[in-house]
Amino acid sequence: MSERGYHLERTKHLFGKVADSQEDKGIAKYGKPLDPMDNYDWLQMALEEQVDGTKYLIAEMEKRRNIINEIRLLVADNCSSFAAFQEIKQLLDRLEGVNRDA
């Protein structure tokens, strides 16, 4: 399978997993699946979700920029020390969203 085909399949799989998870959360919270005929302004709700999503994207961009800057400082200052190496590993884990302490 080509890289493009692999990416598409991975994307579809992840989308399905997240969609199922969100549906389960909605049922747990509201006691039933989403019903288009419920008395909601779906456009307003979608707008609010998109605004939240944009805030999450901006927060993640800022977090990654800060982590990258910390790594650059460590590399520039003293990449040869074991402590700096360990700190760089921890920062890279944070960048990847990995919690090795759990």
N, C-alpha and C. Protein backbone atom coordinates (compact mmCIF):
# COMPACT_ATOMS: atom_id res chain seq x y z
N MET A 1 0.85 -1.18 0.00
CA MET A 1 0.00 0.00 0.00
C MET A 1 0.89 1.24 0.00
N SER A 2 0.53 2.21 -0.79
CA SER A 2 1.31 3.44 -0.86
C SER A 2 1.16 4.24 0.44
N GLU A 3 2.11 5.17 0.64
CA GLU A 3 2.05 6.03 1.83
C GLU A 3 0.72 6.79 1.85
N ARG A 4 0.28 7.27 0.69
CA ARG A 4 -0.98 8.01 0.60
C ARG A 4 -2.16 7.11 0.98
N GLY A 5 -2.15 5.89 0.46
CA GLY A 5 -3.23 4.95 0.78
C GLY A 5 -3.24 4.58 2.26
N TYR A 6 -2.04 4.40 2.81
CA TYR A 6 -1.93 4.08 4.23
C TYR A 6 -2.47 5.23 5.07
N HIS A 7 -2.08 6.45 4.71
CA HIS A 7 -2.56 7.63 5.46
C HIS A 7 -4.08 7.73 5.39
N LEU A 8 -4.65 7.51 4.23
CA LEU A 8 -6.10 7.58 4.08
C LEU A 8 -6.79 6.53 4.95
N GLU A 9 -6.29 5.30 4.91
CA GLU A 9 -6.89 4.24 5.72
C GLU A 9 -6.76 4.54 7.21
N ARG A 10 -5.60 5.03 7.62
CA ARG A 10 -5.40 5.41 9.03
C ARG A 10 -6.35 6.52 9.44
N THR A 11 -6.50 7.50 8.56
CA THR A 11 -7.41 8.63 8.83
C THR A 11 -8.84 8.15 8.98
N LYS A 12 -9.29 7.29 8.07
CA LYS A 12 -10.66 6.77 8.14
C LYS A 12 -10.86 5.95 9.40
N HIS A 13 -9.87 5.14 9.76
CA HIS A 13 -9.97 4.33 10.97
C HIS A 13 -10.06 5.21 12.21
N LEU A 14 -9.17 6.21 12.31
CA LEU A 14 -9.18 7.11 13.47
C LEU A 14 -10.48 7.90 13.53
N PHE A 15 -10.95 8.39 12.39
CA PHE A 15 -12.21 9.13 12.35
C PHE A 15 -13.35 8.26 12.89
N GLY A 16 -13.40 7.01 12.45
CA GLY A 16 -14.45 6.10 12.92
C GLY A 16 -14.38 5.86 14.41
N LYS A 17 -13.15 5.65 14.92
CA LYS A 17 -12.98 5.43 16.36
C LYS A 17 -13.44 6.64 17.16
N VAL A 18 -13.04 7.83 16.73
CA VAL A 18 -13.41 9.04 17.46
C VAL A 18 -14.92 9.28 17.34
N ALA A 19 -15.49 9.05 16.16
CA ALA A 19 -16.94 9.22 15.98
C ALA A 19 -17.71 8.29 16.91
N ASP A 20 -17.28 7.03 16.99
CA ASP A 20 -17.93 6.08 17.90
C ASP A 20 -17.80 6.52 19.35
N SER A 21 -16.61 6.96 19.72
CA SER A 21 -16.38 7.42 21.09
C SER A 21 -17.25 8.62 21.43
N GLN A 22 -17.33 9.57 20.51
CA GLN A 22 -18.16 10.76 20.74
C GLN A 22 -19.64 10.39 20.85
N GLU A 23 -20.07 9.45 20.03
CA GLU A 23 -21.47 9.00 20.11
C GLU A 23 -21.74 8.36 21.47
N ASP A 24 -20.79 7.53 21.93
CA ASP A 24 -20.94 6.91 23.26
C ASP A 24 -21.00 7.96 24.36
N LYS A 25 -20.14 8.99 24.26
CA LYS A 25 -20.15 10.08 25.25
C LYS A 25 -21.49 10.80 25.23
N GLY A 26 -22.00 11.07 24.04
CA GLY A 26 -23.29 11.75 23.93
C GLY A 26 -24.42 10.95 24.53
N ILE A 27 -24.43 9.65 24.29
CA ILE A 27 -25.47 8.79 24.85
C ILE A 27 -25.35 8.74 26.37
N ALA A 28 -24.11 8.66 26.87
CA ALA A 28 -23.90 8.65 28.33
C ALA A 28 -24.38 9.97 28.95
N LYS A 29 -24.13 11.07 28.26
CA LYS A 29 -24.49 12.38 28.81
C LYS A 29 -25.99 12.68 28.67
N TYR A 30 -26.58 12.37 27.50
CA TYR A 30 -27.96 12.76 27.22
C TYR A 30 -28.95 11.59 27.26
N GLY A 31 -28.43 10.36 27.38
CA GLY A 31 -29.31 9.20 27.48
C GLY A 31 -29.85 8.72 26.15
N LYS A 32 -29.38 9.28 25.05
CA LYS A 32 -29.86 8.86 23.72
C LYS A 32 -28.89 9.39 22.66
N PRO A 33 -28.92 8.78 21.47
CA PRO A 33 -28.06 9.29 20.39
C PRO A 33 -28.56 10.64 19.89
N LEU A 34 -27.70 11.33 19.17
CA LEU A 34 -28.07 12.62 18.58
C LEU A 34 -29.30 12.44 17.68
N ASP A 35 -30.27 13.30 17.84
CA ASP A 35 -31.48 13.28 17.02
C ASP A 35 -31.58 14.61 16.30
N PRO A 36 -31.48 14.62 14.97
CA PRO A 36 -31.54 15.88 14.23
C PRO A 36 -32.82 16.67 14.48
N MET A 37 -33.87 16.01 14.96
CA MET A 37 -35.14 16.69 15.17
C MET A 37 -35.26 17.29 16.57
N ASP A 38 -34.23 17.09 17.42
CA ASP A 38 -34.24 17.74 18.72
C ASP A 38 -34.26 19.25 18.54
N ASN A 39 -34.73 19.93 19.56
CA ASN A 39 -34.89 21.38 19.48
C ASN A 39 -33.57 22.09 19.81
N TYR A 40 -32.60 21.94 18.93
CA TYR A 40 -31.31 22.63 19.05
C TYR A 40 -31.07 23.43 17.78
N ASP A 41 -30.30 24.47 17.90
CA ASP A 41 -29.81 25.18 16.73
C ASP A 41 -28.48 24.51 16.38
N TRP A 42 -28.53 23.53 15.48
CA TRP A 42 -27.36 22.74 15.16
C TRP A 42 -26.24 23.58 14.56
N LEU A 43 -26.58 24.62 13.81
CA LEU A 43 -25.54 25.49 13.25
C LEU A 43 -24.82 26.24 14.36
N GLN A 44 -25.56 26.74 15.34
CA GLN A 44 -24.93 27.43 16.47
C GLN A 44 -24.06 26.47 17.27
N MET A 45 -24.56 25.24 17.48
CA MET A 45 -23.78 24.25 18.23
C MET A 45 -22.50 23.91 17.47
N ALA A 46 -22.60 23.76 16.16
CA ALA A 46 -21.42 23.46 15.34
C ALA A 46 -20.42 24.61 15.40
N LEU A 47 -20.91 25.84 15.34
CA LEU A 47 -20.04 27.01 15.43
C LEU A 47 -19.29 27.01 16.76
N GLU A 48 -20.00 26.76 17.85
CA GLU A 48 -19.37 26.73 19.17
C GLU A 48 -18.31 25.63 19.25
N GLU A 49 -18.60 24.47 18.68
CA GLU A 49 -17.62 23.37 18.67
C GLU A 49 -16.40 23.74 17.85
N GLN A 50 -16.61 24.42 16.72
CA GLN A 50 -15.48 24.82 15.88
C GLN A 50 -14.61 25.85 16.59
N VAL A 51 -15.24 26.77 17.30
CA VAL A 51 -14.47 27.77 18.06
C VAL A 51 -13.63 27.05 19.12
N ASP A 52 -14.23 26.10 19.84
CA ASP A 52 -13.47 25.33 20.83
C ASP A 52 -12.32 24.58 20.15
N GLY A 53 -12.60 23.96 19.02
CA GLY A 53 -11.57 23.22 18.30
C GLY A 53 -10.41 24.12 17.89
N THR A 54 -10.73 25.32 17.45
CA THR A 54 -9.68 26.27 17.06
C THR A 54 -8.85 26.66 18.28
N LYS A 55 -9.50 26.86 19.41
CA LYS A 55 -8.76 27.18 20.64
C LYS A 55 -7.82 26.03 21.01
N TYR A 56 -8.26 24.79 20.85
CA TYR A 56 -7.42 23.63 21.15
C TYR A 56 -6.22 23.59 20.20
N LEU A 57 -6.46 23.86 18.92
CA LEU A 57 -5.36 23.87 17.95
C LEU A 57 -4.33 24.93 18.29
N ILE A 58 -4.77 26.11 18.62
CA ILE A 58 -3.85 27.20 18.97
C ILE A 58 -3.08 26.87 20.24
N ALA A 59 -3.75 26.28 21.23
CA ALA A 59 -3.07 25.89 22.47
C ALA A 59 -2.00 24.84 22.18
N GLU A 60 -2.32 23.86 21.35
CA GLU A 60 -1.34 22.82 21.02
C GLU A 60 -0.17 23.40 20.24
N MET A 61 -0.43 24.32 19.34
CA MET A 61 0.64 24.97 18.58
C MET A 61 1.58 25.72 19.53
N GLU A 62 1.02 26.42 20.49
CA GLU A 62 1.83 27.17 21.46
C GLU A 62 2.64 26.21 22.34
N LYS A 63 2.01 25.14 22.80
CA LYS A 63 2.70 24.15 23.62
C LYS A 63 3.89 23.57 22.86
N ARG A 64 3.67 23.18 21.61
CA ARG A 64 4.76 22.60 20.81
C ARG A 64 5.87 23.62 20.54
N ARG A 65 5.50 24.85 20.28
CA ARG A 65 6.50 25.90 20.04
C ARG A 65 7.37 26.08 21.29
N ASN A 66 6.75 26.09 22.46
CA ASN A 66 7.50 26.22 23.71
C ASN A 66 8.43 25.03 23.95
N ILE A 67 7.94 23.82 23.71
CA ILE A 67 8.77 22.63 23.90
C ILE A 67 9.95 22.64 22.93
N ILE A 68 9.69 22.99 21.68
CA ILE A 68 10.77 23.05 20.69
C ILE A 68 11.81 24.08 21.10
N ASN A 69 11.38 25.22 21.60
CA ASN A 69 12.33 26.24 22.06
C ASN A 69 13.17 25.73 23.23
N GLU A 70 12.55 24.99 24.16
CA GLU A 70 13.30 24.42 25.28
C GLU A 70 14.35 23.42 24.78
N ILE A 71 13.97 22.59 23.82
CA ILE A 71 14.91 21.63 23.25
C ILE A 71 16.07 22.35 22.57
N ARG A 72 15.76 23.38 21.79
CA ARG A 72 16.81 24.14 21.10
C ARG A 72 17.79 24.75 22.11
N LEU A 73 17.29 25.27 23.24
CA LEU A 73 18.17 25.84 24.26
C LEU A 73 19.07 24.77 24.86
N LEU A 74 18.50 23.61 25.14
CA LEU A 74 19.30 22.52 25.71
C LEU A 74 20.39 22.07 24.74
N VAL A 75 20.04 21.95 23.48
CA VAL A 75 21.01 21.52 22.48
C VAL A 75 22.10 22.57 22.32
N ALA A 76 21.72 23.83 22.30
CA ALA A 76 22.70 24.91 22.14
C ALA A 76 23.61 25.02 23.37
N ASP A 77 23.05 24.80 24.55
CA ASP A 77 23.82 24.98 25.79
C ASP A 77 24.76 23.81 26.09
N ASN A 78 24.18 22.60 26.08
CA ASN A 78 25.01 21.49 26.52
C ASN A 78 24.38 20.16 26.14
N CYS A 79 24.54 19.78 24.92
CA CYS A 79 23.92 18.54 24.45
C CYS A 79 24.69 17.30 24.91
N SER A 80 25.90 17.48 25.41
CA SER A 80 26.72 16.32 25.74
C SER A 80 26.43 15.76 27.13
N SER A 81 25.77 16.51 28.00
CA SER A 81 25.54 16.00 29.36
C SER A 81 24.36 15.03 29.38
N PHE A 82 24.45 14.04 30.27
CA PHE A 82 23.39 13.04 30.42
C PHE A 82 22.09 13.70 30.88
N ALA A 83 22.19 14.68 31.78
CA ALA A 83 21.00 15.37 32.28
C ALA A 83 20.29 16.10 31.14
N ALA A 84 21.05 16.75 30.28
CA ALA A 84 20.45 17.45 29.14
C ALA A 84 19.78 16.44 28.21
N PHE A 85 20.45 15.31 28.00
CA PHE A 85 19.89 14.25 27.15
C PHE A 85 18.56 13.76 27.72
N GLN A 86 18.52 13.51 29.03
CA GLN A 86 17.29 13.05 29.69
C GLN A 86 16.18 14.09 29.57
N GLU A 87 16.53 15.36 29.75
CA GLU A 87 15.54 16.42 29.65
C GLU A 87 15.00 16.53 28.22
N ILE A 88 15.88 16.38 27.24
CA ILE A 88 15.44 16.40 25.84
C ILE A 88 14.48 15.23 25.58
N LYS A 89 14.79 14.05 26.10
CA LYS A 89 13.89 12.90 25.94
C LYS A 89 12.52 13.20 26.55
N GLN A 90 12.50 13.80 27.74
CA GLN A 90 11.23 14.13 28.39
C GLN A 90 10.45 15.16 27.57
N LEU A 91 11.15 16.14 27.04
CA LEU A 91 10.47 17.15 26.22
C LEU A 91 9.91 16.54 24.95
N LEU A 92 10.65 15.64 24.33
CA LEU A 92 10.15 14.97 23.14
C LEU A 92 8.93 14.11 23.46
N ASP A 93 8.95 13.46 24.63
CA ASP A 93 7.77 12.70 25.06
C ASP A 93 6.56 13.62 25.21
N ARG A 94 6.77 14.79 25.81
CA ARG A 94 5.67 15.76 25.95
C ARG A 94 5.16 16.19 24.58
N LEU A 95 6.09 16.40 23.66
CA LEU A 95 5.72 16.81 22.31
C LEU A 95 4.85 15.76 21.65
N GLU A 96 5.17 14.49 21.91
CA GLU A 96 4.40 13.39 21.36
C GLU A 96 3.14 13.08 22.16
N GLY A 97 3.02 13.68 23.35
CA GLY A 97 1.85 13.40 24.19
C GLY A 97 1.99 12.09 24.95
N VAL A 98 3.24 11.65 25.18
CA VAL A 98 3.50 10.39 25.87
C VAL A 98 3.75 10.68 27.34
N ASN A 99 3.11 9.89 28.22
CA ASN A 99 3.35 10.00 29.65
C ASN A 99 3.96 8.70 30.13
N ARG A 100 5.27 8.67 30.25
CA ARG A 100 5.98 7.45 30.62
C ARG A 100 5.88 7.15 32.11
N ASP A 101 5.37 8.11 32.90
CA ASP A 101 5.22 7.90 34.35
C ASP A 101 3.95 7.13 34.67
N ALA A 102 3.02 7.07 33.72
CA ALA A 102 1.72 6.42 33.99
C ALA A 102 1.83 4.92 33.95
